[in-house]
């Protein structure tokens, strides 16, 4: 099953795999951890470097974020830039992606930032 099929079958049911990773119930290779978010390697990488930045606070979708989440959302992007630099992506560039809803190919309903690089990205995406 590809990511689009997963997104069309995904349901917003509350606790997600990311909640389990954050709580330590599922192991992950963390590259960053602070009081607001974690970052780790994607288990299904779509590029040579594929990291996920996930907030501790469960926000199901970007489109469902509240105005008071603005600082947290900004923090996720600052951390995305930090882990991209630490992964050696800063010089040649990288792609940041946030999927939202089924047509955005969101398969896990806990907002997360994809940091992808290590190869030339195509345009347009998708």
N, C-alpha and C. Protein backbone atom coordinates (compact mmCIF):
# COMPACT_ATOMS: atom_id res chain seq x y z
N UNK A 1 0.85 -1.17 0.00
CA UNK A 1 0.00 0.00 0.00
C UNK A 1 0.90 1.24 0.00
N UNK A 2 0.66 2.17 -0.93
CA UNK A 2 1.47 3.37 -0.97
C UNK A 2 0.90 4.44 -0.02
N UNK A 3 1.62 5.54 0.10
CA UNK A 3 1.26 6.57 1.08
C UNK A 3 -0.10 7.20 0.78
N UNK A 4 -0.45 7.36 -0.48
CA UNK A 4 -1.75 7.94 -0.83
C UNK A 4 -2.87 6.99 -0.40
N UNK A 5 -2.70 5.70 -0.64
CA UNK A 5 -3.70 4.73 -0.19
C UNK A 5 -3.81 4.73 1.34
N UNK A 6 -2.66 4.81 2.03
CA UNK A 6 -2.70 4.88 3.49
C UNK A 6 -3.45 6.12 3.95
N UNK A 7 -3.22 7.24 3.28
CA UNK A 7 -3.88 8.50 3.65
C UNK A 7 -5.39 8.39 3.47
N UNK A 8 -5.83 7.76 2.40
CA UNK A 8 -7.26 7.64 2.16
C UNK A 8 -7.93 6.67 3.14
N UNK A 9 -7.16 5.77 3.72
CA UNK A 9 -7.72 4.83 4.70
C UNK A 9 -7.52 5.29 6.14
N UNK A 10 -6.63 6.27 6.33
CA UNK A 10 -6.31 6.73 7.68
C UNK A 10 -7.50 7.40 8.35
N UNK A 11 -7.57 7.23 9.65
CA UNK A 11 -8.64 7.84 10.44
C UNK A 11 -8.01 8.60 11.60
N UNK A 12 -8.65 9.68 11.96
CA UNK A 12 -8.22 10.46 13.11
C UNK A 12 -8.88 9.84 14.33
N UNK A 13 -8.16 8.93 14.98
CA UNK A 13 -8.75 8.15 16.07
C UNK A 13 -8.19 8.50 17.45
N UNK A 14 -7.42 9.55 17.54
CA UNK A 14 -6.84 9.89 18.84
C UNK A 14 -5.38 9.51 18.88
N UNK A 15 -5.01 8.59 19.74
CA UNK A 15 -3.61 8.22 19.91
C UNK A 15 -3.03 7.66 18.61
N UNK A 16 -1.86 8.17 18.23
CA UNK A 16 -1.21 7.75 16.99
C UNK A 16 0.12 7.08 17.29
N UNK A 17 0.75 6.59 16.26
CA UNK A 17 2.08 5.99 16.41
C UNK A 17 3.06 7.02 16.96
N UNK A 18 2.87 8.30 16.61
CA UNK A 18 3.79 9.33 17.11
C UNK A 18 3.63 9.53 18.61
N UNK A 19 2.42 9.44 19.12
CA UNK A 19 2.21 9.51 20.56
C UNK A 19 2.95 8.40 21.27
N UNK A 20 2.91 7.21 20.69
CA UNK A 20 3.61 6.06 21.27
C UNK A 20 5.12 6.24 21.22
N UNK A 21 5.63 6.83 20.15
CA UNK A 21 7.07 7.10 20.04
C UNK A 21 7.46 8.14 21.08
N UNK A 22 6.69 9.21 21.21
CA UNK A 22 6.99 10.27 22.18
C UNK A 22 7.03 9.71 23.60
N UNK A 23 6.10 8.81 23.91
CA UNK A 23 6.05 8.23 25.26
C UNK A 23 7.07 7.11 25.47
N UNK A 24 7.80 6.72 24.43
CA UNK A 24 8.80 5.68 24.55
C UNK A 24 8.27 4.27 24.42
N UNK A 25 7.00 4.14 24.02
CA UNK A 25 6.41 2.80 23.85
C UNK A 25 6.89 2.12 22.57
N UNK A 26 7.30 2.92 21.60
CA UNK A 26 7.87 2.42 20.34
C UNK A 26 9.23 3.09 20.20
N UNK A 27 10.30 2.32 19.95
CA UNK A 27 11.63 2.93 19.84
C UNK A 27 11.77 3.76 18.57
N UNK A 28 12.60 4.79 18.67
CA UNK A 28 12.92 5.63 17.52
C UNK A 28 14.34 6.14 17.67
N UNK A 29 14.95 6.47 16.54
CA UNK A 29 16.30 7.04 16.55
C UNK A 29 16.17 8.56 16.63
N UNK A 30 16.11 9.10 17.84
CA UNK A 30 15.95 10.54 18.02
C UNK A 30 17.22 11.29 17.62
N UNK A 31 17.03 12.35 16.86
CA UNK A 31 18.12 13.26 16.52
C UNK A 31 17.95 14.59 17.24
N UNK A 32 16.78 14.77 17.86
CA UNK A 32 16.50 15.99 18.63
C UNK A 32 15.37 15.68 19.61
N UNK A 33 15.49 16.28 20.78
CA UNK A 33 14.42 16.15 21.77
C UNK A 33 14.48 17.37 22.67
N UNK A 34 13.36 18.06 22.83
CA UNK A 34 13.26 19.15 23.78
C UNK A 34 11.88 19.13 24.40
N UNK A 35 11.52 20.16 25.16
CA UNK A 35 10.23 20.16 25.87
C UNK A 35 9.03 20.34 24.95
N UNK A 36 9.29 20.73 23.69
CA UNK A 36 8.18 21.00 22.76
C UNK A 36 8.04 19.98 21.64
N UNK A 37 9.15 19.31 21.27
CA UNK A 37 9.08 18.40 20.12
C UNK A 37 10.22 17.38 20.15
N UNK A 38 10.07 16.41 19.26
CA UNK A 38 11.12 15.42 19.02
C UNK A 38 11.36 15.35 17.51
N UNK A 39 12.52 14.87 17.13
CA UNK A 39 12.82 14.62 15.72
C UNK A 39 13.52 13.27 15.63
N UNK A 40 13.16 12.52 14.61
CA UNK A 40 13.73 11.19 14.45
C UNK A 40 13.70 10.79 12.98
N UNK A 41 14.42 9.72 12.67
CA UNK A 41 14.49 9.22 11.30
C UNK A 41 13.17 8.55 10.92
N UNK A 42 12.70 8.84 9.71
CA UNK A 42 11.49 8.21 9.20
C UNK A 42 11.79 6.74 8.90
N UNK A 43 10.90 5.84 9.31
CA UNK A 43 11.13 4.40 9.08
C UNK A 43 10.84 4.01 7.63
N UNK A 44 10.20 4.90 6.88
CA UNK A 44 9.92 4.66 5.46
C UNK A 44 10.46 5.84 4.66
N UNK A 45 11.80 5.98 4.60
CA UNK A 45 12.38 7.18 3.99
C UNK A 45 12.08 7.29 2.49
N UNK A 46 11.81 8.53 2.08
CA UNK A 46 11.53 8.83 0.68
C UNK A 46 12.69 9.58 0.04
N UNK A 47 13.76 9.75 0.78
CA UNK A 47 14.98 10.39 0.29
C UNK A 47 16.13 9.88 1.14
N UNK A 48 17.38 10.09 0.70
CA UNK A 48 18.52 9.60 1.49
C UNK A 48 18.49 10.07 2.94
N UNK A 49 18.06 11.30 3.18
CA UNK A 49 17.85 11.81 4.54
C UNK A 49 16.36 12.14 4.64
N UNK A 50 15.68 11.53 5.60
CA UNK A 50 14.24 11.79 5.79
C UNK A 50 13.98 11.74 7.29
N UNK A 51 13.81 12.94 7.85
CA UNK A 51 13.56 13.09 9.28
C UNK A 51 12.15 13.61 9.50
N UNK A 52 11.62 13.33 10.67
CA UNK A 52 10.30 13.84 11.06
C UNK A 52 10.46 14.67 12.32
N UNK A 53 9.84 15.84 12.34
CA UNK A 53 9.81 16.70 13.52
C UNK A 53 8.37 16.69 14.00
N UNK A 54 8.16 16.24 15.24
CA UNK A 54 6.82 15.99 15.76
C UNK A 54 6.65 16.72 17.09
N UNK A 55 5.58 17.51 17.23
CA UNK A 55 5.37 18.18 18.51
C UNK A 55 4.92 17.19 19.59
N UNK A 56 5.29 17.48 20.83
CA UNK A 56 4.80 16.68 21.96
C UNK A 56 3.28 16.85 22.06
N UNK A 57 2.82 18.10 21.91
CA UNK A 57 1.39 18.38 21.94
C UNK A 57 0.75 17.76 20.71
N UNK A 58 -0.33 17.03 20.91
CA UNK A 58 -1.01 16.41 19.77
C UNK A 58 -1.92 17.43 19.09
N UNK A 59 -1.53 17.77 17.88
CA UNK A 59 -2.35 18.58 16.98
C UNK A 59 -2.59 17.67 15.79
N UNK A 60 -3.84 17.38 15.48
CA UNK A 60 -4.11 16.37 14.46
C UNK A 60 -3.71 16.82 13.06
N UNK A 61 -3.98 18.07 12.71
CA UNK A 61 -3.71 18.56 11.37
C UNK A 61 -3.32 20.04 11.44
N UNK A 62 -2.55 20.50 10.46
CA UNK A 62 -2.22 21.91 10.39
C UNK A 62 -3.49 22.74 10.28
N UNK A 63 -4.46 22.27 9.50
CA UNK A 63 -5.70 23.00 9.31
C UNK A 63 -6.55 23.06 10.58
N UNK A 64 -6.21 22.27 11.59
CA UNK A 64 -6.96 22.27 12.85
C UNK A 64 -6.18 22.94 13.98
N UNK A 65 -5.01 23.49 13.66
CA UNK A 65 -4.20 24.18 14.67
C UNK A 65 -4.93 25.45 15.10
N UNK A 66 -4.76 25.80 16.36
CA UNK A 66 -5.36 27.01 16.91
C UNK A 66 -4.37 28.15 16.84
N UNK A 67 -4.86 29.41 16.87
CA UNK A 67 -3.94 30.55 16.86
C UNK A 67 -2.89 30.48 17.97
N UNK A 68 -3.25 29.93 19.12
CA UNK A 68 -2.26 29.84 20.21
C UNK A 68 -1.16 28.81 19.93
N UNK A 69 -1.29 28.03 18.85
CA UNK A 69 -0.25 27.08 18.46
C UNK A 69 0.83 27.72 17.58
N UNK A 70 0.70 29.01 17.29
CA UNK A 70 1.62 29.67 16.36
C UNK A 70 3.09 29.54 16.80
N UNK A 71 3.38 29.78 18.05
CA UNK A 71 4.77 29.68 18.52
C UNK A 71 5.29 28.26 18.40
N UNK A 72 4.46 27.28 18.71
CA UNK A 72 4.87 25.87 18.59
C UNK A 72 5.14 25.53 17.12
N UNK A 73 4.28 25.96 16.23
CA UNK A 73 4.47 25.68 14.81
C UNK A 73 5.76 26.32 14.31
N UNK A 74 6.05 27.53 14.75
CA UNK A 74 7.32 28.17 14.40
C UNK A 74 8.51 27.40 14.94
N UNK A 75 8.38 26.91 16.17
CA UNK A 75 9.44 26.12 16.79
C UNK A 75 9.72 24.86 15.96
N UNK A 76 8.69 24.22 15.45
CA UNK A 76 8.88 23.02 14.62
C UNK A 76 9.74 23.33 13.41
N UNK A 77 9.51 24.49 12.79
CA UNK A 77 10.31 24.86 11.61
C UNK A 77 11.74 25.22 11.98
N UNK A 78 11.94 25.87 13.12
CA UNK A 78 13.29 26.16 13.58
C UNK A 78 14.05 24.86 13.85
N UNK A 79 13.38 23.91 14.49
CA UNK A 79 14.01 22.61 14.75
C UNK A 79 14.26 21.87 13.43
N UNK A 80 13.34 21.97 12.48
CA UNK A 80 13.54 21.33 11.18
C UNK A 80 14.82 21.86 10.52
N UNK A 81 15.03 23.17 10.56
CA UNK A 81 16.24 23.75 9.99
C UNK A 81 17.49 23.28 10.74
N UNK A 82 17.38 23.17 12.06
CA UNK A 82 18.51 22.71 12.89
C UNK A 82 18.90 21.27 12.56
N UNK A 83 17.91 20.37 12.50
CA UNK A 83 18.24 18.97 12.23
C UNK A 83 18.70 18.79 10.78
N UNK A 84 18.18 19.61 9.87
CA UNK A 84 18.64 19.55 8.48
C UNK A 84 20.12 19.93 8.41
N UNK A 85 20.48 20.99 9.11
CA UNK A 85 21.89 21.41 9.13
C UNK A 85 22.76 20.32 9.74
N UNK A 86 22.32 19.76 10.87
CA UNK A 86 23.10 18.70 11.53
C UNK A 86 23.23 17.45 10.66
N UNK A 87 22.26 17.23 9.76
CA UNK A 87 22.30 16.08 8.85
C UNK A 87 23.11 16.37 7.58
N UNK A 88 23.68 17.58 7.49
CA UNK A 88 24.51 17.93 6.35
C UNK A 88 23.73 18.41 5.13
N UNK A 89 22.50 18.85 5.33
CA UNK A 89 21.67 19.26 4.21
C UNK A 89 21.70 20.75 3.91
N UNK A 90 22.26 21.56 4.79
CA UNK A 90 22.14 23.02 4.67
C UNK A 90 22.78 23.57 3.39
N UNK A 91 23.91 23.03 2.97
CA UNK A 91 24.60 23.61 1.82
C UNK A 91 23.86 23.40 0.50
N UNK A 92 23.34 22.19 0.28
CA UNK A 92 22.68 21.89 -1.00
C UNK A 92 21.18 22.06 -0.95
N UNK A 93 20.61 22.22 0.23
CA UNK A 93 19.17 22.43 0.36
C UNK A 93 18.41 21.16 0.69
N UNK A 94 17.15 21.36 1.01
CA UNK A 94 16.29 20.26 1.43
C UNK A 94 14.84 20.69 1.27
N UNK A 95 13.94 19.77 1.44
CA UNK A 95 12.51 20.05 1.33
C UNK A 95 11.86 19.84 2.68
N UNK A 96 10.93 20.76 3.00
CA UNK A 96 10.09 20.68 4.19
C UNK A 96 8.67 20.42 3.71
N UNK A 97 8.01 19.42 4.30
CA UNK A 97 6.63 19.08 3.90
C UNK A 97 5.78 18.87 5.14
N UNK A 98 4.57 19.42 5.11
CA UNK A 98 3.55 19.12 6.12
C UNK A 98 2.32 18.69 5.34
N UNK A 99 1.95 17.43 5.46
CA UNK A 99 0.75 16.91 4.79
C UNK A 99 -0.47 17.24 5.63
N UNK A 100 -1.59 17.54 4.97
CA UNK A 100 -2.82 17.88 5.69
C UNK A 100 -4.01 17.21 5.03
N UNK A 101 -4.63 16.28 5.75
CA UNK A 101 -5.84 15.61 5.25
C UNK A 101 -5.55 14.57 4.18
N UNK A 102 -6.60 13.89 3.76
CA UNK A 102 -6.41 12.78 2.82
C UNK A 102 -5.87 13.22 1.47
N UNK A 103 -6.33 14.33 0.93
CA UNK A 103 -5.80 14.77 -0.36
C UNK A 103 -4.39 15.33 -0.24
N UNK A 104 -3.98 15.67 0.96
CA UNK A 104 -2.60 16.07 1.22
C UNK A 104 -1.71 14.88 1.56
N UNK A 105 -2.26 13.68 1.51
CA UNK A 105 -1.55 12.42 1.78
C UNK A 105 -1.11 12.30 3.24
N UNK A 106 -1.93 12.83 4.17
CA UNK A 106 -1.63 12.68 5.59
C UNK A 106 -2.10 11.31 6.04
N UNK A 107 -1.16 10.49 6.50
CA UNK A 107 -1.51 9.13 6.92
C UNK A 107 -1.43 8.95 8.43
N UNK A 108 -0.84 9.91 9.14
CA UNK A 108 -0.81 9.88 10.61
C UNK A 108 -1.39 11.20 11.09
N UNK A 109 -2.45 11.12 11.88
CA UNK A 109 -3.13 12.33 12.33
C UNK A 109 -2.55 12.86 13.64
N UNK A 110 -1.30 13.25 13.55
CA UNK A 110 -0.56 13.99 14.57
C UNK A 110 0.41 14.80 13.71
N UNK A 111 0.21 16.11 13.67
CA UNK A 111 0.99 16.94 12.75
C UNK A 111 2.48 16.62 12.86
N UNK A 112 3.17 16.64 11.74
CA UNK A 112 4.60 16.38 11.71
C UNK A 112 5.20 17.04 10.48
N UNK A 113 6.45 17.43 10.62
CA UNK A 113 7.18 18.09 9.56
C UNK A 113 8.18 17.10 8.98
N UNK A 114 8.08 16.87 7.68
CA UNK A 114 9.06 16.03 6.99
C UNK A 114 10.24 16.91 6.59
N UNK A 115 11.46 16.46 6.86
CA UNK A 115 12.68 17.11 6.41
C UNK A 115 13.36 16.11 5.49
N UNK A 116 13.40 16.44 4.21
CA UNK A 116 13.92 15.48 3.23
C UNK A 116 15.03 16.12 2.39
N UNK A 117 16.08 15.36 2.17
CA UNK A 117 17.18 15.86 1.36
C UNK A 117 18.17 14.77 1.02
N UNK A 118 19.30 15.20 0.48
CA UNK A 118 20.33 14.26 0.07
C UNK A 118 20.22 13.86 -1.38
N UNK A 119 19.27 14.46 -2.10
CA UNK A 119 19.12 14.23 -3.53
C UNK A 119 18.37 15.42 -4.12
N UNK A 120 18.38 15.52 -5.43
CA UNK A 120 17.62 16.59 -6.10
C UNK A 120 16.13 16.27 -6.02
N UNK A 121 15.37 17.17 -5.48
CA UNK A 121 13.91 17.02 -5.42
C UNK A 121 13.31 17.43 -6.76
N UNK A 122 12.18 16.87 -7.08
CA UNK A 122 11.49 17.17 -8.35
C UNK A 122 10.42 18.24 -8.09
N UNK A 123 10.08 18.95 -9.17
CA UNK A 123 9.00 19.93 -9.09
C UNK A 123 8.15 19.79 -10.35
N UNK A 124 6.85 19.79 -10.25
CA UNK A 124 6.09 19.91 -9.00
C UNK A 124 6.08 18.60 -8.24
N UNK A 125 5.93 18.69 -6.91
CA UNK A 125 5.82 17.45 -6.12
C UNK A 125 4.49 16.77 -6.38
N UNK A 126 4.41 15.50 -6.07
CA UNK A 126 3.15 14.77 -6.19
C UNK A 126 2.81 14.54 -7.59
